């Protein structure tokens, strides 16, 4: 791709960002009602995977966590309320914090895990999830006999 085409793409992206910002100011409920995705870190250690999700303003009771074996993924779902539900604003001058329902699927690397050992802790607006890896199974040789 030529440098000029890349620069044009940056201009278009900037225009789209400006338009999105203007829509958020003119229609704040529209901007806050769409589903959003929290930012997530996935770190691997020798015996486990660690997931950290940024969920400031989400209440524990509004958060669900599950393991989806079909996709080998940890799925976070919930809702973050904006706290302004009872207000009737005459203007919105800045709207950066996403609110409403969210869903995030974190696909794990292709290694066996122990779903029953998944643990989660929520503190200071951060969700910490520990996903233990399965211990390696050693190959065992079995003698085949004509009877059990």
C-alpha atoms as a PDB file:
ATOM      1  CA  UNK A   1       0.000   0.000   0.000  1.00  0.00           C
ATOM      2  CA  UNK A   2       1.381   3.397  -0.983  1.00  0.00           C
ATOM      3  CA  UNK A   3       2.212   5.980   1.664  1.00  0.00           C
ATOM      4  CA  UNK A   4      -0.461   8.328   0.311  1.00  0.00           C
ATOM      5  CA  UNK A   5      -3.163   5.647   0.668  1.00  0.00           C
ATOM      6  CA  UNK A   6      -2.094   4.989   4.252  1.00  0.00           C
ATOM      7  CA  UNK A   7      -2.266   8.714   5.056  1.00  0.00           C
ATOM      8  CA  UNK A   8      -5.756   8.881   3.546  1.00  0.00           C
ATOM      9  CA  UNK A   9      -6.843   5.976   5.749  1.00  0.00           C
ATOM     10  CA  UNK A  10      -5.593   7.856   8.809  1.00  0.00           C
ATOM     11  CA  UNK A  11      -7.607  10.915   7.743  1.00  0.00           C
ATOM     12  CA  UNK A  12     -10.741   8.806   7.291  1.00  0.00           C
ATOM     13  CA  UNK A  13     -10.195   7.164  10.687  1.00  0.00           C
ATOM     14  CA  UNK A  14      -9.832  10.605  12.256  1.00  0.00           C
ATOM     15  CA  UNK A  15     -13.038  11.807  10.591  1.00  0.00           C
ATOM     16  CA  UNK A  16     -14.903   8.731  11.841  1.00  0.00           C
ATOM     17  CA  UNK A  17     -13.622   9.299  15.382  1.00  0.00           C
ATOM     18  CA  UNK A  18     -14.776  12.923  15.230  1.00  0.00           C
ATOM     19  CA  UNK A  19     -18.196  11.857  13.958  1.00  0.00           C
ATOM     20  CA  UNK A  20     -18.520   9.253  16.717  1.00  0.00           C
ATOM     21  CA  UNK A  21     -17.649  11.893  19.299  1.00  0.00           C
ATOM     22  CA  UNK A  22     -20.258  14.284  17.919  1.00  0.00           C
ATOM     23  CA  UNK A  23     -22.902  11.549  18.002  1.00  0.00           C
ATOM     24  CA  UNK A  24     -22.012  10.814  21.618  1.00  0.00           C
ATOM     25  CA  UNK A  25     -22.453  14.480  22.545  1.00  0.00           C
ATOM     26  CA  UNK A  26     -25.739  14.890  20.689  1.00  0.00           C
ATOM     27  CA  UNK A  27     -27.175  11.531  21.687  1.00  0.00           C
ATOM     28  CA  UNK A  28     -25.512  10.406  24.928  1.00  0.00           C
ATOM     29  CA  UNK A  29     -28.003   7.593  25.542  1.00  0.00           C
ATOM     30  CA  UNK A  30     -27.196   6.183  22.106  1.00  0.00           C
ATOM     31  CA  UNK A  31     -23.488   6.222  22.854  1.00  0.00           C
ATOM     32  CA  UNK A  32     -23.862   4.589  26.239  1.00  0.00           C
ATOM     33  CA  UNK A  33     -26.364   1.903  25.246  1.00  0.00           C
ATOM     34  CA  UNK A  34     -24.145  -0.085  22.918  1.00  0.00           C
ATOM     35  CA  UNK A  35     -22.290  -3.158  24.105  1.00  0.00           C
ATOM     36  CA  UNK A  36     -18.654  -2.552  24.974  1.00  0.00           C
ATOM     37  CA  UNK A  37     -15.631  -4.759  25.688  1.00  0.00           C
ATOM     38  CA  UNK A  38     -13.460  -4.366  28.776  1.00  0.00           C
ATOM     39  CA  UNK A  39      -9.687  -4.300  28.358  1.00  0.00           C
ATOM     40  CA  UNK A  40      -8.049  -7.596  29.288  1.00  0.00           C
ATOM     41  CA  UNK A  41      -4.573  -9.012  29.944  1.00  0.00           C
ATOM     42  CA  UNK A  42      -3.840 -12.742  29.533  1.00  0.00           C
ATOM     43  CA  UNK A  43      -0.608 -13.977  31.086  1.00  0.00           C
ATOM     44  CA  UNK A  44       0.760 -17.521  31.150  1.00  0.00           C
ATOM     45  CA  UNK A  45       2.728 -19.070  33.988  1.00  0.00           C
ATOM     46  CA  UNK A  46       4.086 -22.603  34.256  1.00  0.00           C
ATOM     47  CA  UNK A  47       0.966 -24.044  35.896  1.00  0.00           C
ATOM     48  CA  UNK A  48      -1.776 -21.534  35.104  1.00  0.00           C
ATOM     49  CA  UNK A  49      -3.155 -18.720  33.003  1.00  0.00           C
ATOM     50  CA  UNK A  50      -3.965 -15.391  34.631  1.00  0.00           C
ATOM     51  CA  UNK A  51      -6.587 -13.024  33.264  1.00  0.00           C
ATOM     52  CA  UNK A  52      -6.946  -9.447  34.437  1.00  0.00           C
ATOM     53  CA  UNK A  53      -9.953  -7.415  33.282  1.00  0.00           C
ATOM     54  CA  UNK A  54     -10.501  -3.694  33.805  1.00  0.00           C
ATOM     55  CA  UNK A  55     -14.070  -3.345  35.122  1.00  0.00           C
ATOM     56  CA  UNK A  56     -14.226  -0.087  37.073  1.00  0.00           C
ATOM     57  CA  UNK A  57     -17.774   0.773  38.095  1.00  0.00           C
ATOM     58  CA  UNK A  58     -19.122  -2.758  37.632  1.00  0.00           C
ATOM     59  CA  UNK A  59     -20.781  -4.292  40.680  1.00  0.00           C
ATOM     60  CA  UNK A  60     -19.937  -7.890  41.594  1.00  0.00           C
ATOM     61  CA  UNK A  61     -23.601  -8.880  41.372  1.00  0.00           C
ATOM     62  CA  UNK A  62     -23.728  -7.555  37.787  1.00  0.00           C
ATOM     63  CA  UNK A  63     -20.836  -9.753  36.615  1.00  0.00           C
ATOM     64  CA  UNK A  64     -20.807 -13.346  35.341  1.00  0.00           C
ATOM     65  CA  UNK A  65     -17.861 -15.531  34.439  1.00  0.00           C
ATOM     66  CA  UNK A  66     -17.980 -18.871  32.660  1.00  0.00           C
ATOM     67  CA  UNK A  67     -15.757 -21.258  30.740  1.00  0.00           C
ATOM     68  CA  UNK A  68     -16.875 -22.211  27.226  1.00  0.00           C
ATOM     69  CA  UNK A  69     -15.220 -25.539  26.286  1.00  0.00           C
ATOM     70  CA  UNK A  70     -16.351 -25.327  22.644  1.00  0.00           C
ATOM     71  CA  UNK A  71     -14.219 -22.214  22.090  1.00  0.00           C
ATOM     72  CA  UNK A  72     -11.722 -22.943  24.884  1.00  0.00           C
ATOM     73  CA  UNK A  73     -12.490 -19.462  26.190  1.00  0.00           C
ATOM     74  CA  UNK A  74     -13.320 -17.674  29.411  1.00  0.00           C
ATOM     75  CA  UNK A  75     -16.373 -15.459  28.891  1.00  0.00           C
ATOM     76  CA  UNK A  76     -17.068 -12.324  30.951  1.00  0.00           C
ATOM     77  CA  UNK A  77     -20.504 -10.718  30.825  1.00  0.00           C
ATOM     78  CA  UNK A  78     -22.152  -7.983  32.791  1.00  0.00           C
ATOM     79  CA  UNK A  79     -23.379  -4.442  32.901  1.00  0.00           C
ATOM     80  CA  UNK A  80     -21.940  -1.118  34.002  1.00  0.00           C
ATOM     81  CA  UNK A  81     -24.533   1.506  34.883  1.00  0.00           C
ATOM     82  CA  UNK A  82     -23.625   5.148  34.330  1.00  0.00           C
ATOM     83  CA  UNK A  83     -25.063   6.390  37.627  1.00  0.00           C
ATOM     84  CA  UNK A  84     -26.940   9.169  35.824  1.00  0.00           C
ATOM     85  CA  UNK A  85     -30.155   7.251  35.103  1.00  0.00           C
ATOM     86  CA  UNK A  86     -32.291   9.740  37.077  1.00  0.00           C
ATOM     87  CA  UNK A  87     -30.816  12.883  35.506  1.00  0.00           C
ATOM     88  CA  UNK A  88     -32.256  14.911  32.661  1.00  0.00           C
ATOM     89  CA  UNK A  89     -29.146  16.671  31.337  1.00  0.00           C
ATOM     90  CA  UNK A  90     -29.428  19.842  29.300  1.00  0.00           C
ATOM     91  CA  UNK A  91     -26.071  19.117  27.701  1.00  0.00           C
ATOM     92  CA  UNK A  92     -23.227  16.640  27.661  1.00  0.00           C
ATOM     93  CA  UNK A  93     -19.755  18.074  27.186  1.00  0.00           C
ATOM     94  CA  UNK A  94     -17.694  14.923  27.368  1.00  0.00           C
ATOM     95  CA  UNK A  95     -18.651  11.254  27.269  1.00  0.00           C
ATOM     96  CA  UNK A  96     -15.736   8.821  27.330  1.00  0.00           C
ATOM     97  CA  UNK A  97     -16.720   6.078  29.769  1.00  0.00           C
ATOM     98  CA  UNK A  98     -18.561   3.189  28.138  1.00  0.00           C
ATOM     99  CA  UNK A  99     -21.613   1.960  30.011  1.00  0.00           C
ATOM    100  CA  UNK A 100     -24.280  -0.636  29.456  1.00  0.00           C
ATOM    101  CA  UNK A 101     -23.938  -4.338  28.806  1.00  0.00           C
ATOM    102  CA  UNK A 102     -20.583  -5.875  28.004  1.00  0.00           C
ATOM    103  CA  UNK A 103     -19.290  -9.228  26.884  1.00  0.00           C
ATOM    104  CA  UNK A 104     -15.730 -10.381  26.382  1.00  0.00           C
ATOM    105  CA  UNK A 105     -14.520 -13.802  25.287  1.00  0.00           C
ATOM    106  CA  UNK A 106     -10.886 -14.547  26.109  1.00  0.00           C
ATOM    107  CA  UNK A 107      -9.612 -17.475  24.064  1.00  0.00           C
ATOM    108  CA  UNK A 108      -7.018 -19.498  25.918  1.00  0.00           C
ATOM    109  CA  UNK A 109      -3.899 -20.974  24.276  1.00  0.00           C
ATOM    110  CA  UNK A 110      -4.226 -24.586  23.135  1.00  0.00           C
ATOM    111  CA  UNK A 111      -3.394 -26.310  26.408  1.00  0.00           C
ATOM    112  CA  UNK A 112      -5.566 -28.466  28.622  1.00  0.00           C
ATOM    113  CA  UNK A 113      -7.003 -26.675  31.626  1.00  0.00           C
ATOM    114  CA  UNK A 114      -8.902 -27.709  34.748  1.00  0.00           C
ATOM    115  CA  UNK A 115     -12.262 -25.878  34.481  1.00  0.00           C
ATOM    116  CA  UNK A 116     -13.278 -26.953  37.989  1.00  0.00           C
ATOM    117  CA  UNK A 117     -10.250 -25.122  39.378  1.00  0.00           C
ATOM    118  CA  UNK A 118     -11.018 -21.710  37.861  1.00  0.00           C
ATOM    119  CA  UNK A 119     -11.040 -19.018  40.564  1.00  0.00           C
ATOM    120  CA  UNK A 120     -11.848 -15.311  40.375  1.00  0.00           C
ATOM    121  CA  UNK A 121     -11.374 -12.306  42.632  1.00  0.00           C
ATOM    122  CA  UNK A 122     -12.807  -8.827  42.119  1.00  0.00           C
ATOM    123  CA  UNK A 123     -11.194  -5.858  43.862  1.00  0.00           C
ATOM    124  CA  UNK A 124     -10.688  -2.168  43.157  1.00  0.00           C
ATOM    125  CA  UNK A 125     -12.434  -2.385  39.796  1.00  0.00           C
ATOM    126  CA  UNK A 126     -10.203  -5.186  38.521  1.00  0.00           C
ATOM    127  CA  UNK A 127     -11.225  -8.799  37.957  1.00  0.00           C
ATOM    128  CA  UNK A 128      -8.482 -11.378  38.448  1.00  0.00           C
ATOM    129  CA  UNK A 129      -9.116 -14.885  37.081  1.00  0.00           C
ATOM    130  CA  UNK A 130      -6.827 -17.867  37.666  1.00  0.00           C
ATOM    131  CA  UNK A 131      -7.208 -20.755  35.206  1.00  0.00           C
ATOM    132  CA  UNK A 132      -5.132 -23.786  36.237  1.00  0.00           C
ATOM    133  CA  UNK A 133      -3.509 -25.926  33.579  1.00  0.00           C
ATOM    134  CA  UNK A 134      -4.034 -29.679  33.715  1.00  0.00           C
ATOM    135  CA  UNK A 135      -1.078 -31.617  34.984  1.00  0.00           C
ATOM    136  CA  UNK A 136       0.631 -33.457  32.239  1.00  0.00           C
ATOM    137  CA  UNK A 137      -0.564 -37.010  31.895  1.00  0.00           C
ATOM    138  CA  UNK A 138       2.244 -39.490  31.494  1.00  0.00           C
ATOM    139  CA  UNK A 139       1.892 -42.154  28.848  1.00  0.00           C
ATOM    140  CA  UNK A 140       1.263 -45.518  30.396  1.00  0.00           C
ATOM    141  CA  UNK A 141       1.661 -48.845  28.707  1.00  0.00           C
ATOM    142  CA  UNK A 142      -1.109 -51.383  29.252  1.00  0.00           C
ATOM    143  CA  UNK A 143      -0.775 -55.096  28.774  1.00  0.00           C
ATOM    144  CA  UNK A 144      -3.529 -56.497  26.580  1.00  0.00           C
ATOM    145  CA  UNK A 145      -4.912 -59.835  27.703  1.00  0.00           C
ATOM    146  CA  UNK A 146      -7.738 -61.980  26.345  1.00  0.00           C
ATOM    147  CA  UNK A 147      -9.786 -61.514  29.584  1.00  0.00           C
ATOM    148  CA  UNK A 148     -10.559 -58.705  32.001  1.00  0.00           C
END
